[in-house]
Full PDB file with SEQRES, HELIX, SHEET, SSBOND, CRYST1, ORIGX, SCALE, CONECT and MASTER records, all heavy atoms in Angstrom:
SEQRES   1 A   41  ARG LYS LEU ALA ALA GLY GLY ALA ALA ILE LEU TYR THR          
SEQRES   2 A   41  THR HIS TYR LEU PRO GLU VAL GLU GLN LEU GLY ALA ASP          
SEQRES   3 A   41  VAL ALA ILE LEU HIS GLU GLY ARG ILE ARG LEU ALA GLY          
SEQRES   4 A   41  HIS LEU                                                      
HELIX    1 AA1 LYS A    2  ALA A    5  1                                   4    
HELIX    2 AA2 LEU A   17  LEU A   23  1                                   7    
SHEET    1 AA1 2 ASP A  26  HIS A  31  0                                        
SHEET    2 AA1 2 ARG A  34  HIS A  40 -1                                        
CRYST1    1.000    1.000    1.000  90.00  90.00  90.00 P 1           1          
ORIGX1      1.000000  0.000000  0.000000        0.00000                         
ORIGX2      0.000000  1.000000  0.000000        0.00000                         
ORIGX3      0.000000  0.000000  1.000000        0.00000                         
SCALE1      1.000000  0.000000  0.000000        0.00000                         
SCALE2      0.000000  1.000000  0.000000        0.00000                         
SCALE3      0.000000  0.000000  1.000000        0.00000                         
ATOM      1  N   ARG A   1      64.932-121.807 -34.134  1.00  0.00           N  
ATOM      2  CA  ARG A   1      64.144-120.603 -33.843  1.00  0.00           C  
ATOM      3  C   ARG A   1      64.247-119.577 -34.966  1.00  0.00           C  
ATOM      4  O   ARG A   1      63.235-118.970 -35.425  1.00  0.00           O  
ATOM      5  CB  ARG A   1      64.558-120.022 -32.499  1.00  0.00           C  
ATOM      6  CG  ARG A   1      64.260-120.883 -31.279  1.00  0.00           C  
ATOM      7  CD  ARG A   1      64.582-120.088 -30.053  1.00  0.00           C  
ATOM      8  NE  ARG A   1      64.641-120.927 -28.887  1.00  0.00           N  
ATOM      9  CZ  ARG A   1      65.762-121.448 -28.369  1.00  0.00           C  
ATOM     10  NH1 ARG A   1      66.940-121.162 -28.977  1.00  0.00           N  
ATOM     11  NH2 ARG A   1      65.766-122.254 -27.342  1.00  0.00           N  
ATOM     12  N   LYS A   2      65.479-119.334 -35.421  1.00  0.00           N  
ATOM     13  CA  LYS A   2      65.705-118.327 -36.426  1.00  0.00           C  
ATOM     14  C   LYS A   2      65.086-118.703 -37.753  1.00  0.00           C  
ATOM     15  O   LYS A   2      64.489-117.837 -38.462  1.00  0.00           O  
ATOM     16  CB  LYS A   2      67.220-118.124 -36.670  1.00  0.00           C  
ATOM     17  CG  LYS A   2      67.927-117.410 -35.524  1.00  0.00           C  
ATOM     18  CD  LYS A   2      69.445-117.311 -35.717  1.00  0.00           C  
ATOM     19  CE  LYS A   2      70.133-116.628 -34.524  1.00  0.00           C  
ATOM     20  NZ  LYS A   2      71.609-116.558 -34.745  1.00  0.00           N  
ATOM     21  N   LEU A   3      65.164-119.971 -38.105  1.00  0.00           N  
ATOM     22  CA  LEU A   3      64.540-120.395 -39.344  1.00  0.00           C  
ATOM     23  C   LEU A   3      63.018-120.252 -39.313  1.00  0.00           C  
ATOM     24  O   LEU A   3      62.385-119.782 -40.302  1.00  0.00           O  
ATOM     25  CB  LEU A   3      64.928-121.889 -39.636  1.00  0.00           C  
ATOM     26  CG  LEU A   3      66.374-122.158 -39.976  1.00  0.00           C  
ATOM     27  CD1 LEU A   3      66.676-123.633 -39.957  1.00  0.00           C  
ATOM     28  CD2 LEU A   3      66.717-121.533 -41.324  1.00  0.00           C  
ATOM     29  N   ALA A   4      62.402-120.598 -38.196  1.00  0.00           N  
ATOM     30  CA  ALA A   4      60.982-120.387 -38.022  1.00  0.00           C  
ATOM     31  C   ALA A   4      60.612-118.969 -38.058  1.00  0.00           C  
ATOM     32  O   ALA A   4      59.622-118.543 -38.690  1.00  0.00           O  
ATOM     33  CB  ALA A   4      60.494-121.051 -36.703  1.00  0.00           C  
ATOM     34  N   ALA A   5      61.414-118.112 -37.407  1.00  0.00           N  
ATOM     35  CA  ALA A   5      61.137-116.649 -37.418  1.00  0.00           C  
ATOM     36  C   ALA A   5      61.221-116.094 -38.847  1.00  0.00           C  
ATOM     37  O   ALA A   5      60.532-115.114 -39.162  1.00  0.00           O  
ATOM     38  CB  ALA A   5      62.159-115.921 -36.512  1.00  0.00           C  
ATOM     39  N   GLY A   6      62.032-116.758 -39.628  1.00  0.00           N  
ATOM     40  CA  GLY A   6      62.173-116.302 -41.045  1.00  0.00           C  
ATOM     41  C   GLY A   6      61.043-116.892 -41.985  1.00  0.00           C  
ATOM     42  O   GLY A   6      61.047-116.613 -43.175  1.00  0.00           O  
ATOM     43  N   GLY A   7      60.131-117.643 -41.341  1.00  0.00           N  
ATOM     44  CA  GLY A   7      58.970-118.150 -42.156  1.00  0.00           C  
ATOM     45  C   GLY A   7      58.995-119.597 -42.480  1.00  0.00           C  
ATOM     46  O   GLY A   7      58.057-120.131 -43.114  1.00  0.00           O  
ATOM     47  N   ALA A   8      60.043-120.367 -42.169  1.00  0.00           N  
ATOM     48  CA  ALA A   8      60.106-121.803 -42.492  1.00  0.00           C  
ATOM     49  C   ALA A   8      59.083-122.542 -41.674  1.00  0.00           C  
ATOM     50  O   ALA A   8      58.829-122.267 -40.493  1.00  0.00           O  
ATOM     51  CB  ALA A   8      61.474-122.313 -42.202  1.00  0.00           C  
ATOM     52  N   ALA A   9      58.453-123.581 -42.290  1.00  0.00           N  
ATOM     53  CA  ALA A   9      57.594-124.520 -41.617  1.00  0.00           C  
ATOM     54  C   ALA A   9      58.457-125.727 -41.224  1.00  0.00           C  
ATOM     55  O   ALA A   9      59.064-126.381 -42.075  1.00  0.00           O  
ATOM     56  CB  ALA A   9      56.458-124.945 -42.495  1.00  0.00           C  
ATOM     57  N   ILE A  10      58.528-126.032 -39.959  1.00  0.00           N  
ATOM     58  CA  ILE A  10      59.504-127.058 -39.465  1.00  0.00           C  
ATOM     59  C   ILE A  10      58.763-128.188 -38.710  1.00  0.00           C  
ATOM     60  O   ILE A  10      58.109-127.924 -37.775  1.00  0.00           O  
ATOM     61  CB  ILE A  10      60.511-126.361 -38.501  1.00  0.00           C  
ATOM     62  CG1 ILE A  10      61.259-125.246 -39.233  1.00  0.00           C  
ATOM     63  CG2 ILE A  10      61.503-127.425 -37.963  1.00  0.00           C  
ATOM     64  CD1 ILE A  10      62.213-124.382 -38.367  1.00  0.00           C  
ATOM     65  N   LEU A  11      59.025-129.391 -39.245  1.00  0.00           N  
ATOM     66  CA  LEU A  11      58.519-130.559 -38.530  1.00  0.00           C  
ATOM     67  C   LEU A  11      59.721-131.184 -37.825  1.00  0.00           C  
ATOM     68  O   LEU A  11      60.765-131.510 -38.440  1.00  0.00           O  
ATOM     69  CB  LEU A  11      57.954-131.588 -39.479  1.00  0.00           C  
ATOM     70  CG  LEU A  11      57.381-132.841 -38.885  1.00  0.00           C  
ATOM     71  CD1 LEU A  11      56.170-132.520 -37.994  1.00  0.00           C  
ATOM     72  CD2 LEU A  11      56.972-133.882 -39.932  1.00  0.00           C  
ATOM     73  N   TYR A  12      59.645-131.302 -36.504  1.00  0.00           N  
ATOM     74  CA  TYR A  12      60.792-131.621 -35.647  1.00  0.00           C  
ATOM     75  C   TYR A  12      60.507-132.833 -34.775  1.00  0.00           C  
ATOM     76  O   TYR A  12      59.619-132.792 -33.907  1.00  0.00           O  
ATOM     77  CB  TYR A  12      61.040-130.350 -34.753  1.00  0.00           C  
ATOM     78  CG  TYR A  12      62.293-130.342 -33.960  1.00  0.00           C  
ATOM     79  CD1 TYR A  12      63.386-129.534 -34.278  1.00  0.00           C  
ATOM     80  CD2 TYR A  12      62.407-131.046 -32.758  1.00  0.00           C  
ATOM     81  CE1 TYR A  12      64.540-129.480 -33.545  1.00  0.00           C  
ATOM     82  CE2 TYR A  12      63.524-131.005 -31.957  1.00  0.00           C  
ATOM     83  CZ  TYR A  12      64.642-130.254 -32.415  1.00  0.00           C  
ATOM     84  OH  TYR A  12      65.762-130.194 -31.614  1.00  0.00           O  
ATOM     85  N   THR A  13      61.196-133.926 -35.086  1.00  0.00           N  
ATOM     86  CA  THR A  13      60.983-135.080 -34.272  1.00  0.00           C  
ATOM     87  C   THR A  13      62.089-135.207 -33.184  1.00  0.00           C  
ATOM     88  O   THR A  13      63.297-134.924 -33.506  1.00  0.00           O  
ATOM     89  CB  THR A  13      60.926-136.360 -35.051  1.00  0.00           C  
ATOM     90  OG1 THR A  13      62.261-136.800 -35.395  1.00  0.00           O  
ATOM     91  CG2 THR A  13      60.081-136.161 -36.333  1.00  0.00           C  
ATOM     92  N   THR A  14      61.743-135.604 -32.006  1.00  0.00           N  
ATOM     93  CA  THR A  14      62.743-135.718 -30.933  1.00  0.00           C  
ATOM     94  C   THR A  14      62.247-136.609 -29.838  1.00  0.00           C  
ATOM     95  O   THR A  14      61.073-136.745 -29.631  1.00  0.00           O  
ATOM     96  CB  THR A  14      63.171-134.356 -30.403  1.00  0.00           C  
ATOM     97  OG1 THR A  14      64.197-134.498 -29.406  1.00  0.00           O  
ATOM     98  CG2 THR A  14      61.953-133.673 -29.731  1.00  0.00           C  
ATOM     99  N   HIS A  15      63.157-137.244 -29.092  1.00  0.00           N  
ATOM    100  CA  HIS A  15      62.783-137.941 -27.883  1.00  0.00           C  
ATOM    101  C   HIS A  15      63.185-137.087 -26.627  1.00  0.00           C  
ATOM    102  O   HIS A  15      62.924-137.497 -25.510  1.00  0.00           O  
ATOM    103  CB  HIS A  15      63.558-139.271 -27.807  1.00  0.00           C  
ATOM    104  CG  HIS A  15      62.912-140.356 -28.629  1.00  0.00           C  
ATOM    105  ND1 HIS A  15      63.370-140.619 -29.886  1.00  0.00           N  
ATOM    106  CD2 HIS A  15      61.901-141.170 -28.372  1.00  0.00           C  
ATOM    107  CE1 HIS A  15      62.594-141.616 -30.389  1.00  0.00           C  
ATOM    108  NE2 HIS A  15      61.770-141.997 -29.462  1.00  0.00           N  
ATOM    109  N   TYR A  16      63.775-135.947 -26.908  1.00  0.00           N  
ATOM    110  CA  TYR A  16      64.307-135.129 -25.766  1.00  0.00           C  
ATOM    111  C   TYR A  16      63.278-133.969 -25.524  1.00  0.00           C  
ATOM    112  O   TYR A  16      63.419-132.927 -26.157  1.00  0.00           O  
ATOM    113  CB  TYR A  16      65.708-134.622 -26.082  1.00  0.00           C  
ATOM    114  CG  TYR A  16      66.428-134.071 -24.892  1.00  0.00           C  
ATOM    115  CD1 TYR A  16      66.790-134.879 -23.870  1.00  0.00           C  
ATOM    116  CD2 TYR A  16      66.740-132.696 -24.806  1.00  0.00           C  
ATOM    117  CE1 TYR A  16      67.470-134.380 -22.741  1.00  0.00           C  
ATOM    118  CE2 TYR A  16      67.369-132.171 -23.688  1.00  0.00           C  
ATOM    119  CZ  TYR A  16      67.774-133.031 -22.667  1.00  0.00           C  
ATOM    120  OH  TYR A  16      68.378-132.525 -21.579  1.00  0.00           O  
ATOM    121  N   LEU A  17      62.352-134.227 -24.620  1.00  0.00           N  
ATOM    122  CA  LEU A  17      61.267-133.275 -24.441  1.00  0.00           C  
ATOM    123  C   LEU A  17      61.675-131.886 -23.984  1.00  0.00           C  
ATOM    124  O   LEU A  17      60.976-130.907 -24.375  1.00  0.00           O  
ATOM    125  CB  LEU A  17      60.270-133.912 -23.507  1.00  0.00           C  
ATOM    126  CG  LEU A  17      59.611-135.218 -23.921  1.00  0.00           C  
ATOM    127  CD1 LEU A  17      58.542-135.636 -23.031  1.00  0.00           C  
ATOM    128  CD2 LEU A  17      59.122-135.126 -25.409  1.00  0.00           C  
ATOM    129  N   PRO A  18      62.694-131.710 -23.201  1.00  0.00           N  
ATOM    130  CA  PRO A  18      63.091-130.322 -22.833  1.00  0.00           C  
ATOM    131  C   PRO A  18      63.429-129.466 -24.039  1.00  0.00           C  
ATOM    132  O   PRO A  18      63.226-128.229 -23.967  1.00  0.00           O  
ATOM    133  CB  PRO A  18      64.356-130.528 -21.978  1.00  0.00           C  
ATOM    134  CG  PRO A  18      64.146-131.839 -21.306  1.00  0.00           C  
ATOM    135  CD  PRO A  18      63.457-132.709 -22.392  1.00  0.00           C  
ATOM    136  N   GLU A  19      63.845-130.069 -25.128  1.00  0.00           N  
ATOM    137  CA  GLU A  19      64.042-129.275 -26.357  1.00  0.00           C  
ATOM    138  C   GLU A  19      62.787-128.676 -26.863  1.00  0.00           C  
ATOM    139  O   GLU A  19      62.723-127.474 -27.275  1.00  0.00           O  
ATOM    140  CB  GLU A  19      64.602-130.189 -27.483  1.00  0.00           C  
ATOM    141  CG  GLU A  19      66.043-130.572 -27.320  1.00  0.00           C  
ATOM    142  CD  GLU A  19      66.501-131.424 -28.429  1.00  0.00           C  
ATOM    143  OE1 GLU A  19      65.778-131.734 -29.381  1.00  0.00           O  
ATOM    144  OE2 GLU A  19      67.748-131.788 -28.465  1.00  0.00           O  
ATOM    145  N   VAL A  20      61.702-129.468 -26.821  1.00  0.00           N  
ATOM    146  CA  VAL A  20      60.384-128.925 -27.257  1.00  0.00           C  
ATOM    147  C   VAL A  20      59.924-127.800 -26.390  1.00  0.00           C  
ATOM    148  O   VAL A  20      59.448-126.741 -26.877  1.00  0.00           O  
ATOM    149  CB  VAL A  20      59.348-130.054 -27.188  1.00  0.00           C  
ATOM    150  CG1 VAL A  20      58.005-129.518 -27.695  1.00  0.00           C  
ATOM    151  CG2 VAL A  20      59.821-131.278 -28.057  1.00  0.00           C  
ATOM    152  N   GLU A  21      60.150-127.890 -25.067  1.00  0.00           N  
ATOM    153  CA  GLU A  21      59.766-126.820 -24.176  1.00  0.00           C  
ATOM    154  C   GLU A  21      60.668-125.585 -24.387  1.00  0.00           C  
ATOM    155  O   GLU A  21      60.153-124.427 -24.345  1.00  0.00           O  
ATOM    156  CB  GLU A  21      59.895-127.339 -22.706  1.00  0.00           C  
ATOM    157  CG  GLU A  21      58.902-128.390 -22.444  1.00  0.00           C  
ATOM    158  CD  GLU A  21      59.031-129.024 -21.077  1.00  0.00           C  
ATOM    159  OE1 GLU A  21      60.145-129.295 -20.671  1.00  0.00           O  
ATOM    160  OE2 GLU A  21      58.007-129.290 -20.377  1.00  0.00           O  
ATOM    161  N   GLN A  22      61.982-125.781 -24.679  1.00  0.00           N  
ATOM    162  CA  GLN A  22      62.827-124.637 -24.927  1.00  0.00           C  
ATOM    163  C   GLN A  22      62.463-123.941 -26.236  1.00  0.00           C  
ATOM    164  O   GLN A  22      62.592-122.714 -26.331  1.00  0.00           O  
ATOM    165  CB  GLN A  22      64.292-125.144 -25.011  1.00  0.00           C  
ATOM    166  CG  GLN A  22      64.865-125.596 -23.673  1.00  0.00           C  
ATOM    167  CD  GLN A  22      66.175-126.323 -23.853  1.00  0.00           C  
ATOM    168  OE1 GLN A  22      66.979-126.012 -24.694  1.00  0.00           O  
ATOM    169  NE2 GLN A  22      66.351-127.355 -22.976  1.00  0.00           N  
ATOM    170  N   LEU A  23      62.001-124.675 -27.181  1.00  0.00           N  
ATOM    171  CA  LEU A  23      61.584-124.100 -28.443  1.00  0.00           C  
ATOM    172  C   LEU A  23      60.164-123.469 -28.389  1.00  0.00           C  
ATOM    173  O   LEU A  23      59.846-122.604 -29.235  1.00  0.00           O  
ATOM    174  CB  LEU A  23      61.538-125.181 -29.571  1.00  0.00           C  
ATOM    175  CG  LEU A  23      62.897-125.671 -30.108  1.00  0.00           C  
ATOM    176  CD1 LEU A  23      62.682-126.870 -30.931  1.00  0.00           C  
ATOM    177  CD2 LEU A  23      63.633-124.559 -30.851  1.00  0.00           C  
ATOM    178  N   GLY A  24      59.453-123.861 -27.364  1.00  0.00           N  
ATOM    179  CA  GLY A  24      58.056-123.343 -27.323  1.00  0.00           C  
ATOM    180  C   GLY A  24      57.255-123.882 -28.506  1.00  0.00           C  
ATOM    181  O   GLY A  24      56.345-123.208 -29.002  1.00  0.00           O  
ATOM    182  N   ALA A  25      57.603-125.048 -28.993  1.00  0.00           N  
ATOM    183  CA  ALA A  25      57.009-125.654 -30.179  1.00  0.00           C  
ATOM    184  C   ALA A  25      55.567-126.081 -29.914  1.00  0.00           C  
ATOM    185  O   ALA A  25      55.175-126.376 -28.808  1.00  0.00           O  
ATOM    186  CB  ALA A  25      57.843-126.782 -30.696  1.00  0.00           C  
ATOM    187  N   ASP A  26      54.800-126.171 -31.000  1.00  0.00           N  
ATOM    188  CA  ASP A  26      53.552-126.883 -30.894  1.00  0.00           C  
ATOM    189  C   ASP A  26      53.801-128.364 -30.926  1.00  0.00           C  
ATOM    190  O   ASP A  26      54.895-128.819 -31.292  1.00  0.00           O  
ATOM    191  CB  ASP A  26      52.644-126.480 -32.118  1.00  0.00           C  
ATOM    192  CG  ASP A  26      52.240-125.041 -32.063  1.00  0.00           C  
ATOM    193  OD1 ASP A  26      51.799-124.595 -30.967  1.00  0.00           O  
ATOM    194  OD2 ASP A  26      52.349-124.300 -33.081  1.00  0.00           O  
ATOM    195  N   VAL A  27      52.844-129.152 -30.517  1.00  0.00           N  
ATOM    196  CA  VAL A  27      53.062-130.554 -30.244  1.00  0.00           C  
ATOM    197  C   VAL A  27      52.035-131.440 -30.970  1.00  0.00           C  
ATOM    198  O   VAL A  27      50.857-131.102 -30.935  1.00  0.00           O  
ATOM    199  CB  VAL A  27      52.952-130.834 -28.684  1.00  0.00           C  
ATOM    200  CG1 VAL A  27      53.122-132.337 -28.445  1.00  0.00           C  
ATOM    201  CG2 VAL A  27      54.092-130.095 -28.008  1.00  0.00           C  
ATOM    202  N   ALA A  28      52.491-132.571 -31.530  1.00  0.00           N  
ATOM    203  CA  ALA A  28      51.576-133.597 -32.045  1.00  0.00           C  
ATOM    204  C   ALA A  28      52.151-134.915 -31.521  1.00  0.00           C  
ATOM    205  O   ALA A  28      53.343-135.164 -31.692  1.00  0.00           O  
ATOM    206  CB  ALA A  28      51.520-133.566 -33.557  1.00  0.00           C  
ATOM    207  N   ILE A  29      51.328-135.715 -30.923  1.00  0.00           N  
ATOM    208  CA  ILE A  29      51.750-137.010 -30.392  1.00  0.00           C  
ATOM    209  C   ILE A  29      51.242-138.137 -31.265  1.00  0.00           C  
ATOM    210  O   ILE A  29      50.032-138.289 -31.419  1.00  0.00           O  
ATOM    211  CB  ILE A  29      51.335-137.237 -28.913  1.00  0.00           C  
ATOM    212  CG1 ILE A  29      51.972-136.149 -28.064  1.00  0.00           C  
ATOM    213  CG2 ILE A  29      51.720-138.581 -28.437  1.00  0.00           C  
ATOM    214  CD1 ILE A  29      51.536-136.208 -26.581  1.00  0.00           C  
ATOM    215  N   LEU A  30      52.190-138.868 -31.840  1.00  0.00           N  
ATOM    216  CA  LEU A  30      51.868-140.031 -32.728  1.00  0.00           C  
ATOM    217  C   LEU A  30      51.999-141.328 -31.918  1.00  0.00           C  
ATOM    218  O   LEU A  30      53.078-141.583 -31.355  1.00  0.00           O  
ATOM    219  CB  LEU A  30      52.803-140.044 -33.934  1.00  0.00           C  
ATOM    220  CG  LEU A  30      52.613-141.140 -34.984  1.00  0.00           C  
ATOM    221  CD1 LEU A  30      51.233-141.004 -35.642  1.00  0.00           C  
ATOM    222  CD2 LEU A  30      53.708-141.086 -36.000  1.00  0.00           C  
ATOM    223  N   HIS A  31      50.966-142.057 -31.792  1.00  0.00           N  
ATOM    224  CA  HIS A  31      50.964-143.255 -30.935  1.00  0.00           C  
ATOM    225  C   HIS A  31      50.074-144.326 -31.619  1.00  0.00           C  
ATOM    226  O   HIS A  31      48.943-144.078 -31.984  1.00  0.00           O  
ATOM    227  CB  HIS A  31      50.436-142.956 -29.566  1.00  0.00           C  
ATOM    228  CG  HIS A  31      50.532-144.098 -28.625  1.00  0.00           C  
ATOM    229  ND1 HIS A  31      51.651-144.835 -28.418  1.00  0.00           N  
ATOM    230  CD2 HIS A  31      49.583-144.611 -27.797  1.00  0.00           C  
ATOM    231  CE1 HIS A  31      51.451-145.762 -27.467  1.00  0.00           C  
ATOM    232  NE2 HIS A  31      50.141-145.680 -27.126  1.00  0.00           N  
ATOM    233  N   GLU A  32      50.705-145.499 -31.777  1.00  0.00           N  
ATOM    234  CA  GLU A  32      49.957-146.651 -32.441  1.00  0.00           C  
ATOM    235  C   GLU A  32      49.379-146.264 -33.772  1.00  0.00           C  
ATOM    236  O   GLU A  32      48.278-146.595 -34.141  1.00  0.00           O  
ATOM    237  CB  GLU A  32      48.920-147.140 -31.495  1.00  0.00           C  
ATOM    238  CG  GLU A  32      49.514-147.785 -30.217  1.00  0.00           C  
ATOM    239  CD  GLU A  32      48.444-148.281 -29.230  1.00  0.00           C  
ATOM    240  OE1 GLU A  32      47.298-147.912 -29.391  1.00  0.00           O  
ATOM    241  OE2 GLU A  32      48.837-149.050 -28.314  1.00  0.00           O  
ATOM    242  N   GLY A  33      50.175-145.469 -34.533  1.00  0.00           N  
ATOM    243  CA  GLY A  33      49.838-145.125 -35.946  1.00  0.00           C  
ATOM    244  C   GLY A  33      48.901-143.987 -36.139  1.00  0.00           C  
ATOM    245  O   GLY A  33      48.486-143.681 -37.220  1.00  0.00           O  
ATOM    246  N   ARG A  34      48.484-143.342 -35.025  1.00  0.00           N  
ATOM    247  CA  ARG A  34      47.495-142.254 -35.122  1.00  0.00           C  
ATOM    248  C   ARG A  34      47.980-141.027 -34.314  1.00  0.00           C  
ATOM    249  O   ARG A  34      48.715-141.175 -33.375  1.00  0.00           O  
ATOM    250  CB  ARG A  34      46.113-142.685 -34.641  1.00  0.00           C  
ATOM    251  CG  ARG A  34      45.543-143.905 -35.350  1.00  0.00           C  
ATOM    252  CD  ARG A  34      44.188-144.270 -34.792  1.00  0.00           C  
ATOM    253  NE  ARG A  34      43.691-145.509 -35.387  1.00  0.00           N  
ATOM    254  CZ  ARG A  34      43.091-145.551 -36.569  1.00  0.00           C  
ATOM    255  NH1 ARG A  34      42.892-144.505 -37.318  1.00  0.00           N  
ATOM    256  NH2 ARG A  34      42.662-146.770 -37.028  1.00  0.00           N  
ATOM    257  N   ILE A  35      47.568-139.874 -34.764  1.00  0.00           N  
ATOM    258  CA  ILE A  35      47.786-138.643 -34.014  1.00  0.00           C  
ATOM    259  C   ILE A  35      46.746-138.625 -32.863  1.00  0.00           C  
ATOM    260  O   ILE A  35      45.564-138.521 -33.100  1.00  0.00           O  
ATOM    261  CB  ILE A  35      47.643-137.389 -34.832  1.00  0.00           C  
ATOM    262  CG1 ILE A  35      48.695-137.390 -35.971  1.00  0.00           C  
ATOM    263  CG2 ILE A  35      47.771-136.102 -33.936  1.00  0.00           C  
ATOM    264  CD1 ILE A  35      50.146-137.255 -35.505  1.00  0.00           C  
ATOM    265  N   ARG A  36      47.291-138.793 -31.630  1.00  0.00           N  
ATOM    266  CA  ARG A  36      46.458-138.863 -30.467  1.00  0.00           C  
ATOM    267  C   ARG A  36      46.104-137.516 -29.833  1.00  0.00           C  
ATOM    268  O   ARG A  36      45.151-137.347 -29.123  1.00  0.00           O  
ATOM    269  CB  ARG A  36      47.086-139.738 -29.394  1.00  0.00           C  
ATOM    270  CG  ARG A  36      47.392-141.197 -29.821  1.00  0.00           C  
ATOM    271  CD  ARG A  36      46.071-141.923 -30.135  1.00  0.00           C  
ATOM    272  NE  ARG A  36      46.378-143.290 -30.619  1.00  0.00           N  
ATOM    273  CZ  ARG A  36      45.447-144.158 -30.973  1.00  0.00           C  
ATOM    274  NH1 ARG A  36      44.158-143.756 -30.937  1.00  0.00           N  
ATOM    275  NH2 ARG A  36      45.756-145.388 -31.354  1.00  0.00           N  
ATOM    276  N   LEU A  37      46.990-136.554 -30.137  1.00  0.00           N  
ATOM    277  CA  LEU A  37      46.857-135.265 -29.553  1.00  0.00           C  
ATOM    278  C   LEU A  37      47.672-134.241 -30.348  1.00  0.00           C  
ATOM    279  O   LEU A  37      48.782-134.494 -30.782  1.00  0.00           O  
ATOM    280  CB  LEU A  37      47.373-135.281 -28.061  1.00  0.00           C  
ATOM    281  CG  LEU A  37      47.507-133.958 -27.349  1.00  0.00           C  
ATOM    282  CD1 LEU A  37      46.110-133.372 -27.089  1.00  0.00           C  
ATOM    283  CD2 LEU A  37      48.286-134.144 -26.055  1.00  0.00           C  
ATOM    284  N   ALA A  38      47.103-133.025 -30.582  1.00  0.00           N  
ATOM    285  CA  ALA A  38      47.814-131.987 -31.269  1.00  0.00           C  
ATOM    286  C   ALA A  38      47.372-130.678 -30.608  1.00  0.00           C  
ATOM    287  O   ALA A  38      46.175-130.440 -30.423  1.00  0.00           O  
ATOM    288  CB  ALA A  38      47.590-131.956 -32.729  1.00  0.00           C  
ATOM    289  N   GLY A  39      48.313-129.780 -30.319  1.00  0.00           N  
ATOM    290  CA  GLY A  39      47.969-128.515 -29.724  1.00  0.00           C  
ATOM    291  C   GLY A  39      49.160-127.682 -29.375  1.00  0.00           C  
ATOM    292  O   GLY A  39      50.312-128.121 -29.551  1.00  0.00           O  
ATOM    293  N   HIS A  40      48.888-126.497 -28.868  1.00  0.00           N  
ATOM    294  CA  HIS A  40      49.978-125.633 -28.355  1.00  0.00           C  
ATOM    295  C   HIS A  40      50.573-126.261 -27.091  1.00  0.00           C  
ATOM    296  O   HIS A  40      49.897-126.956 -26.355  1.00  0.00           O  
ATOM    297  CB  HIS A  40      49.441-124.267 -28.014  1.00  0.00           C  
ATOM    298  CG  HIS A  40      48.914-123.510 -29.243  1.00  0.00           C  
ATOM    299  ND1 HIS A  40      49.760-123.085 -30.242  1.00  0.00           N  
ATOM    300  CD2 HIS A  40      47.677-123.079 -29.561  1.00  0.00           C  
ATOM    301  CE1 HIS A  40      49.028-122.412 -31.148  1.00  0.00           C  
ATOM    302  NE2 HIS A  40      47.772-122.417 -30.755  1.00  0.00           N  
ATOM    303  N   LEU A  41      51.855-126.114 -26.927  1.00  0.00           N  
ATOM    304  CA  LEU A  41      52.561-126.690 -25.773  1.00  0.00           C  
ATOM    305  C   LEU A  41      51.853-126.378 -24.445  1.00  0.00           C  
ATOM    306  O   LEU A  41      51.600-127.312 -23.698  1.00  0.00           O  
ATOM    307  CB  LEU A  41      54.030-126.169 -25.748  1.00  0.00           C  
ATOM    308  CG  LEU A  41      54.882-126.619 -24.568  1.00  0.00           C  
ATOM    309  CD1 LEU A  41      55.029-128.137 -24.541  1.00  0.00           C  
ATOM    310  CD2 LEU A  41      56.228-125.874 -24.627  1.00  0.00           C  
TER     311      LEU A  41                                                      
MASTER        0    0    0    2    2    0    0    6  310    1    0    4          
END                                                                             
């Protein structure tokens, strides 16, 4: 959060979805080699 607030662009991969919700991150779903969905949480 602090790094993003300081202006860093962060690509964050995870299997633990509550982390994404805690971060309030934007979301992109990669499935079968393609981005199937991208948007605000």
